[in-house]
Amino acid sequence: MNAMRERRLRGAVPTQREVAQALGVKESAVSKWERGLAKPRADKLPMIAKLYGCTIEELLADDITPKE
């Protein structure tokens, strides 16, 4: 879930804690997603995409290419 980390670091969502609170999950879960150690449940993907301002496809992409 490198895409999540990249989006968060670019300012979409400031902290893992805020992501966790918005999604109703533990902060450690967000950390695992960002490090590629786990994947979010499918039912969380629409909320994550909305929070990060992207599509589910973009969220799951291995690479992020900045839109200019």
PDB file of N, CA and C in Angstrom:
ATOM      1  N   MET A   1       0.810  -1.187   0.000  1.00  0.00           N
ATOM      2  CA  MET A   1       0.000   0.000   0.000  1.00  0.00           C
ATOM      3  C   MET A   1       0.857   1.255   0.000  1.00  0.00           C
ATOM      4  N   ASN A   2       1.898   1.204  -0.750  1.00  0.00           N
ATOM      5  CA  ASN A   2       2.759   2.373  -0.874  1.00  0.00           C
ATOM      6  C   ASN A   2       1.975   3.590  -1.342  1.00  0.00           C
ATOM      7  N   ALA A   3       0.964   3.374  -2.154  1.00  0.00           N
ATOM      8  CA  ALA A   3       0.164   4.484  -2.660  1.00  0.00           C
ATOM      9  C   ALA A   3      -0.479   5.252  -1.509  1.00  0.00           C
ATOM     10  N   MET A   4      -0.913   4.541  -0.493  1.00  0.00           N
ATOM     11  CA  MET A   4      -1.518   5.210   0.657  1.00  0.00           C
ATOM     12  C   MET A   4      -0.512   6.103   1.359  1.00  0.00           C
ATOM     13  N   ARG A   5       0.653   5.584   1.573  1.00  0.00           N
ATOM     14  CA  ARG A   5       1.690   6.348   2.269  1.00  0.00           C
ATOM     15  C   ARG A   5       2.060   7.592   1.467  1.00  0.00           C
ATOM     16  N   GLU A   6       2.229   7.416   0.174  1.00  0.00           N
ATOM     17  CA  GLU A   6       2.586   8.546  -0.682  1.00  0.00           C
ATOM     18  C   GLU A   6       1.515   9.632  -0.639  1.00  0.00           C
ATOM     19  N   ARG A   7       0.263   9.232  -0.723  1.00  0.00           N
ATOM     20  CA  ARG A   7      -0.823  10.213  -0.684  1.00  0.00           C
ATOM     21  C   ARG A   7      -0.879  10.922   0.666  1.00  0.00           C
ATOM     22  N   ARG A   8      -0.700  10.156   1.739  1.00  0.00           N
ATOM     23  CA  ARG A   8      -0.743  10.776   3.059  1.00  0.00           C
ATOM     24  C   ARG A   8       0.407  11.761   3.231  1.00  0.00           C
ATOM     25  N   LEU A   9       1.586  11.386   2.789  1.00  0.00           N
ATOM     26  CA  LEU A   9       2.739  12.259   2.947  1.00  0.00           C
ATOM     27  C   LEU A   9       2.642  13.515   2.090  1.00  0.00           C
ATOM     28  N   ARG A  10       1.876  13.445   1.016  1.00  0.00           N
ATOM     29  CA  ARG A  10       1.673  14.632   0.173  1.00  0.00           C
ATOM     30  C   ARG A  10       0.608  15.562   0.726  1.00  0.00           C
ATOM     31  N   GLY A  11       0.015  15.187   1.842  1.00  0.00           N
ATOM     32  CA  GLY A  11      -0.898  16.103   2.501  1.00  0.00           C
ATOM     33  C   GLY A  11      -2.366  15.764   2.427  1.00  0.00           C
ATOM     34  N   ALA A  12      -2.723  14.640   1.799  1.00  0.00           N
ATOM     35  CA  ALA A  12      -4.136  14.272   1.738  1.00  0.00           C
ATOM     36  C   ALA A  12      -4.691  14.073   3.150  1.00  0.00           C
ATOM     37  N   VAL A  13      -3.941  13.395   3.983  1.00  0.00           N
ATOM     38  CA  VAL A  13      -4.304  13.153   5.376  1.00  0.00           C
ATOM     39  C   VAL A  13      -3.013  13.244   6.180  1.00  0.00           C
ATOM     40  N   PRO A  14      -2.944  14.136   7.154  1.00  0.00           N
ATOM     41  CA  PRO A  14      -1.680  14.387   7.837  1.00  0.00           C
ATOM     42  C   PRO A  14      -1.057  13.228   8.605  1.00  0.00           C
ATOM     43  N   THR A  15      -1.835  12.446   9.332  1.00  0.00           N
ATOM     44  CA  THR A  15      -1.218  11.422  10.175  1.00  0.00           C
ATOM     45  C   THR A  15      -1.939  10.085  10.064  1.00  0.00           C
ATOM     46  N   GLN A  16      -1.205   9.044  10.410  1.00  0.00           N
ATOM     47  CA  GLN A  16      -1.803   7.714  10.462  1.00  0.00           C
ATOM     48  C   GLN A  16      -2.914   7.674  11.503  1.00  0.00           C
ATOM     49  N   ARG A  17      -2.735   8.397  12.577  1.00  0.00           N
ATOM     50  CA  ARG A  17      -3.747   8.432  13.640  1.00  0.00           C
ATOM     51  C   ARG A  17      -5.067   8.981  13.105  1.00  0.00           C
ATOM     52  N   GLU A  18      -5.006  10.048  12.319  1.00  0.00           N
ATOM     53  CA  GLU A  18      -6.232  10.626  11.754  1.00  0.00           C
ATOM     54  C   GLU A  18      -6.895   9.672  10.772  1.00  0.00           C
ATOM     55  N   VAL A  19      -6.084   8.966  10.001  1.00  0.00           N
ATOM     56  CA  VAL A  19      -6.634   7.966   9.081  1.00  0.00           C
ATOM     57  C   VAL A  19      -7.358   6.890   9.879  1.00  0.00           C
ATOM     58  N   ALA A  20      -6.691   6.389  10.914  1.00  0.00           N
ATOM     59  CA  ALA A  20      -7.268   5.330  11.741  1.00  0.00           C
ATOM     60  C   ALA A  20      -8.584   5.779  12.379  1.00  0.00           C
ATOM     61  N   GLN A  21      -8.612   6.988  12.913  1.00  0.00           N
ATOM     62  CA  GLN A  21      -9.831   7.494  13.542  1.00  0.00           C
ATOM     63  C   GLN A  21     -10.963   7.630  12.535  1.00  0.00           C
ATOM     64  N   ALA A  22     -10.645   8.126  11.344  1.00  0.00           N
ATOM     65  CA  ALA A  22     -11.674   8.322  10.318  1.00  0.00           C
ATOM     66  C   ALA A  22     -12.262   6.993   9.841  1.00  0.00           C
ATOM     67  N   LEU A  23     -11.427   5.947   9.848  1.00  0.00           N
ATOM     68  CA  LEU A  23     -11.867   4.654   9.334  1.00  0.00           C
ATOM     69  C   LEU A  23     -12.343   3.699  10.428  1.00  0.00           C
ATOM     70  N   GLY A  24     -12.128   4.076  11.687  1.00  0.00           N
ATOM     71  CA  GLY A  24     -12.532   3.201  12.779  1.00  0.00           C
ATOM     72  C   GLY A  24     -11.661   1.974  12.913  1.00  0.00           C
ATOM     73  N   VAL A  25     -10.355   2.131  12.647  1.00  0.00           N
ATOM     74  CA  VAL A  25      -9.404   1.026  12.777  1.00  0.00           C
ATOM     75  C   VAL A  25      -8.277   1.471  13.698  1.00  0.00           C
ATOM     76  N   LYS A  26      -7.401   0.546  14.039  1.00  0.00           N
ATOM     77  CA  LYS A  26      -6.252   0.877  14.874  1.00  0.00           C
ATOM     78  C   LYS A  26      -5.165   1.535  14.028  1.00  0.00           C
ATOM     79  N   GLU A  27      -4.416   2.394  14.668  1.00  0.00           N
ATOM     80  CA  GLU A  27      -3.307   3.070  13.993  1.00  0.00           C
ATOM     81  C   GLU A  27      -2.293   2.054  13.459  1.00  0.00           C
ATOM     82  N   SER A  28      -2.102   0.967  14.169  1.00  0.00           N
ATOM     83  CA  SER A  28      -1.161  -0.060  13.724  1.00  0.00           C
ATOM     84  C   SER A  28      -1.617  -0.706  12.412  1.00  0.00           C
ATOM     85  N   ALA A  29      -2.927  -0.770  12.188  1.00  0.00           N
ATOM     86  CA  ALA A  29      -3.433  -1.324  10.928  1.00  0.00           C
ATOM     87  C   ALA A  29      -3.036  -0.425   9.767  1.00  0.00           C
ATOM     88  N   VAL A  30      -3.167   0.888   9.945  1.00  0.00           N
ATOM     89  CA  VAL A  30      -2.791   1.834   8.894  1.00  0.00           C
ATOM     90  C   VAL A  30      -1.292   1.719   8.614  1.00  0.00           C
ATOM     91  N   SER A  31      -0.500   1.592   9.658  1.00  0.00           N
ATOM     92  CA  SER A  31       0.935   1.439   9.496  1.00  0.00           C
ATOM     93  C   SER A  31       1.266   0.185   8.683  1.00  0.00           C
ATOM     94  N   LYS A  32       0.594  -0.910   8.984  1.00  0.00           N
ATOM     95  CA  LYS A  32       0.827  -2.162   8.247  1.00  0.00           C
ATOM     96  C   LYS A  32       0.429  -2.028   6.789  1.00  0.00           C
ATOM     97  N   TRP A  33      -0.674  -1.325   6.520  1.00  0.00           N
ATOM     98  CA  TRP A  33      -1.095  -1.119   5.130  1.00  0.00           C
ATOM     99  C   TRP A  33      -0.024  -0.348   4.379  1.00  0.00           C
ATOM    100  N   GLU A  34       0.460   0.713   5.002  1.00  0.00           N
ATOM    101  CA  GLU A  34       1.444   1.574   4.340  1.00  0.00           C
ATOM    102  C   GLU A  34       2.773   0.866   4.106  1.00  0.00           C
ATOM    103  N   ARG A  35       3.126  -0.055   4.987  1.00  0.00           N
ATOM    104  CA  ARG A  35       4.386  -0.773   4.834  1.00  0.00           C
ATOM    105  C   ARG A  35       4.243  -2.031   3.993  1.00  0.00           C
ATOM    106  N   GLY A  36       3.037  -2.316   3.541  1.00  0.00           N
ATOM    107  CA  GLY A  36       2.817  -3.482   2.696  1.00  0.00           C
ATOM    108  C   GLY A  36       2.784  -4.789   3.459  1.00  0.00           C
ATOM    109  N   LEU A  37       2.603  -4.741   4.776  1.00  0.00           N
ATOM    110  CA  LEU A  37       2.556  -5.950   5.584  1.00  0.00           C
ATOM    111  C   LEU A  37       1.150  -6.531   5.668  1.00  0.00           C
ATOM    112  N   ALA A  38       0.168  -5.728   5.326  1.00  0.00           N
ATOM    113  CA  ALA A  38      -1.226  -6.169   5.334  1.00  0.00           C
ATOM    114  C   ALA A  38      -1.993  -5.313   4.344  1.00  0.00           C
ATOM    115  N   LYS A  39      -3.171  -5.775   3.996  1.00  0.00           N
ATOM    116  CA  LYS A  39      -4.043  -5.026   3.099  1.00  0.00           C
ATOM    117  C   LYS A  39      -5.346  -4.727   3.837  1.00  0.00           C
ATOM    118  N   PRO A  40      -5.943  -3.584   3.544  1.00  0.00           N
ATOM    119  CA  PRO A  40      -7.222  -3.284   4.188  1.00  0.00           C
ATOM    120  C   PRO A  40      -8.317  -4.216   3.685  1.00  0.00           C
ATOM    121  N   ARG A  41      -9.326  -4.399   4.511  1.00  0.00           N
ATOM    122  CA  ARG A  41     -10.471  -5.201   4.087  1.00  0.00           C
ATOM    123  C   ARG A  41     -11.158  -4.499   2.923  1.00  0.00           C
ATOM    124  N   ALA A  42     -11.746  -5.292   2.067  1.00  0.00           N
ATOM    125  CA  ALA A  42     -12.403  -4.762   0.872  1.00  0.00           C
ATOM    126  C   ALA A  42     -13.495  -3.750   1.218  1.00  0.00           C
ATOM    127  N   ASP A  43     -14.189  -3.956   2.321  1.00  0.00           N
ATOM    128  CA  ASP A  43     -15.263  -3.028   2.678  1.00  0.00           C
ATOM    129  C   ASP A  43     -14.744  -1.666   3.131  1.00  0.00           C
ATOM    130  N   LYS A  44     -13.450  -1.555   3.431  1.00  0.00           N
ATOM    131  CA  LYS A  44     -12.845  -0.281   3.826  1.00  0.00           C
ATOM    132  C   LYS A  44     -12.346   0.517   2.614  1.00  0.00           C
ATOM    133  N   LEU A  45     -12.141  -0.140   1.487  1.00  0.00           N
ATOM    134  CA  LEU A  45     -11.536   0.522   0.330  1.00  0.00           C
ATOM    135  C   LEU A  45     -12.300   1.754  -0.154  1.00  0.00           C
ATOM    136  N   PRO A  46     -13.638   1.718  -0.268  1.00  0.00           N
ATOM    137  CA  PRO A  46     -14.326   2.938  -0.704  1.00  0.00           C
ATOM    138  C   PRO A  46     -14.110   4.116   0.246  1.00  0.00           C
ATOM    139  N   MET A  47     -14.109   3.865   1.548  1.00  0.00           N
ATOM    140  CA  MET A  47     -13.893   4.941   2.516  1.00  0.00           C
ATOM    141  C   MET A  47     -12.459   5.465   2.442  1.00  0.00           C
ATOM    142  N   ILE A  48     -11.507   4.555   2.265  1.00  0.00           N
ATOM    143  CA  ILE A  48     -10.104   4.961   2.161  1.00  0.00           C
ATOM    144  C   ILE A  48      -9.904   5.814   0.910  1.00  0.00           C
ATOM    145  N   ALA A  49     -10.459   5.375  -0.205  1.00  0.00           N
ATOM    146  CA  ALA A  49     -10.326   6.127  -1.449  1.00  0.00           C
ATOM    147  C   ALA A  49     -10.933   7.520  -1.313  1.00  0.00           C
ATOM    148  N   LYS A  50     -12.085   7.611  -0.685  1.00  0.00           N
ATOM    149  CA  LYS A  50     -12.724   8.915  -0.493  1.00  0.00           C
ATOM    150  C   LYS A  50     -11.866   9.804   0.402  1.00  0.00           C
ATOM    151  N   LEU A  51     -11.347   9.233   1.462  1.00  0.00           N
ATOM    152  CA  LEU A  51     -10.501   9.978   2.397  1.00  0.00           C
ATOM    153  C   LEU A  51      -9.240  10.506   1.718  1.00  0.00           C
ATOM    154  N   TYR A  52      -8.669   9.705   0.836  1.00  0.00           N
ATOM    155  CA  TYR A  52      -7.437  10.082   0.151  1.00  0.00           C
ATOM    156  C   TYR A  52      -7.676  10.822  -1.157  1.00  0.00           C
ATOM    157  N   GLY A  53      -8.935  10.987  -1.535  1.00  0.00           N
ATOM    158  CA  GLY A  53      -9.259  11.738  -2.741  1.00  0.00           C
ATOM    159  C   GLY A  53      -8.786  11.058  -4.015  1.00  0.00           C
ATOM    160  N   CYS A  54      -9.000   9.751  -4.086  1.00  0.00           N
ATOM    161  CA  CYS A  54      -8.570   8.999  -5.270  1.00  0.00           C
ATOM    162  C   CYS A  54      -9.566   7.876  -5.536  1.00  0.00           C
ATOM    163  N   THR A  55      -9.296   7.124  -6.582  1.00  0.00           N
ATOM    164  CA  THR A  55     -10.123   5.955  -6.875  1.00  0.00           C
ATOM    165  C   THR A  55      -9.528   4.739  -6.166  1.00  0.00           C
ATOM    166  N   ILE A  56     -10.306   3.699  -6.062  1.00  0.00           N
ATOM    167  CA  ILE A  56      -9.803   2.456  -5.473  1.00  0.00           C
ATOM    168  C   ILE A  56      -8.654   1.919  -6.325  1.00  0.00           C
ATOM    169  N   GLU A  57      -8.775   2.040  -7.629  1.00  0.00           N
ATOM    170  CA  GLU A  57      -7.721   1.557  -8.520  1.00  0.00           C
ATOM    171  C   GLU A  57      -6.404   2.294  -8.262  1.00  0.00           C
ATOM    172  N   GLU A  58      -6.483   3.607  -8.092  1.00  0.00           N
ATOM    173  CA  GLU A  58      -5.279   4.381  -7.799  1.00  0.00           C
ATOM    174  C   GLU A  58      -4.693   3.990  -6.452  1.00  0.00           C
ATOM    175  N   LEU A  59      -5.551   3.740  -5.518  1.00  0.00           N
ATOM    176  CA  LEU A  59      -5.129   3.365  -4.181  1.00  0.00           C
ATOM    177  C   LEU A  59      -4.360   2.051  -4.193  1.00  0.00           C
ATOM    178  N   LEU A  60      -4.796   1.132  -4.995  1.00  0.00           N
ATOM    179  CA  LEU A  60      -4.185  -0.188  -5.034  1.00  0.00           C
ATOM    180  C   LEU A  60      -3.004  -0.290  -5.994  1.00  0.00           C
ATOM    181  N   ALA A  61      -2.762   0.756  -6.743  1.00  0.00           N
ATOM    182  CA  ALA A  61      -1.673   0.740  -7.718  1.00  0.00           C
ATOM    183  C   ALA A  61      -0.323   0.584  -7.026  1.00  0.00           C
ATOM    184  N   ASP A  62       0.553  -0.138  -7.659  1.00  0.00           N
ATOM    185  CA  ASP A  62       1.900  -0.305  -7.116  1.00  0.00           C
ATOM    186  C   ASP A  62       2.694   0.985  -7.217  1.00  0.00           C
ATOM    187  N   ASP A  63       2.482   1.737  -8.277  1.00  0.00           N
ATOM    188  CA  ASP A  63       3.219   2.974  -8.495  1.00  0.00           C
ATOM    189  C   ASP A  63       2.246   4.141  -8.523  1.00  0.00           C
ATOM    190  N   ILE A  64       2.716   5.249  -8.022  1.00  0.00           N
ATOM    191  CA  ILE A  64       1.941   6.487  -8.117  1.00  0.00           C
ATOM    192  C   ILE A  64       2.716   7.426  -9.026  1.00  0.00           C
ATOM    193  N   THR A  65       2.040   7.892 -10.043  1.00  0.00           N
ATOM    194  CA  THR A  65       2.650   8.905 -10.883  1.00  0.00           C
ATOM    195  C   THR A  65       1.925  10.204 -10.605  1.00  0.00           C
ATOM    196  N   PRO A  66       2.659  11.220 -10.173  1.00  0.00           N
ATOM    197  CA  PRO A  66       1.996  12.491  -9.844  1.00  0.00           C
ATOM    198  C   PRO A  66       1.238  13.050 -11.026  1.00  0.00           C
ATOM    199  N   LYS A  67       0.023  13.518 -10.742  1.00  0.00           N
ATOM    200  CA  LYS A  67      -0.773  14.178 -11.789  1.00  0.00           C
ATOM    201  C   LYS A  67      -0.395  15.633 -11.823  1.00  0.00           C
ATOM    202  N   GLU A  68      -0.097  16.124 -13.005  1.00  0.00           N
ATOM    203  CA  GLU A  68       0.312  17.517 -13.119  1.00  0.00           C
ATOM    204  C   GLU A  68      -0.628  18.281 -13.991  1.00  0.00           C
TER     205      GLU A  68
END
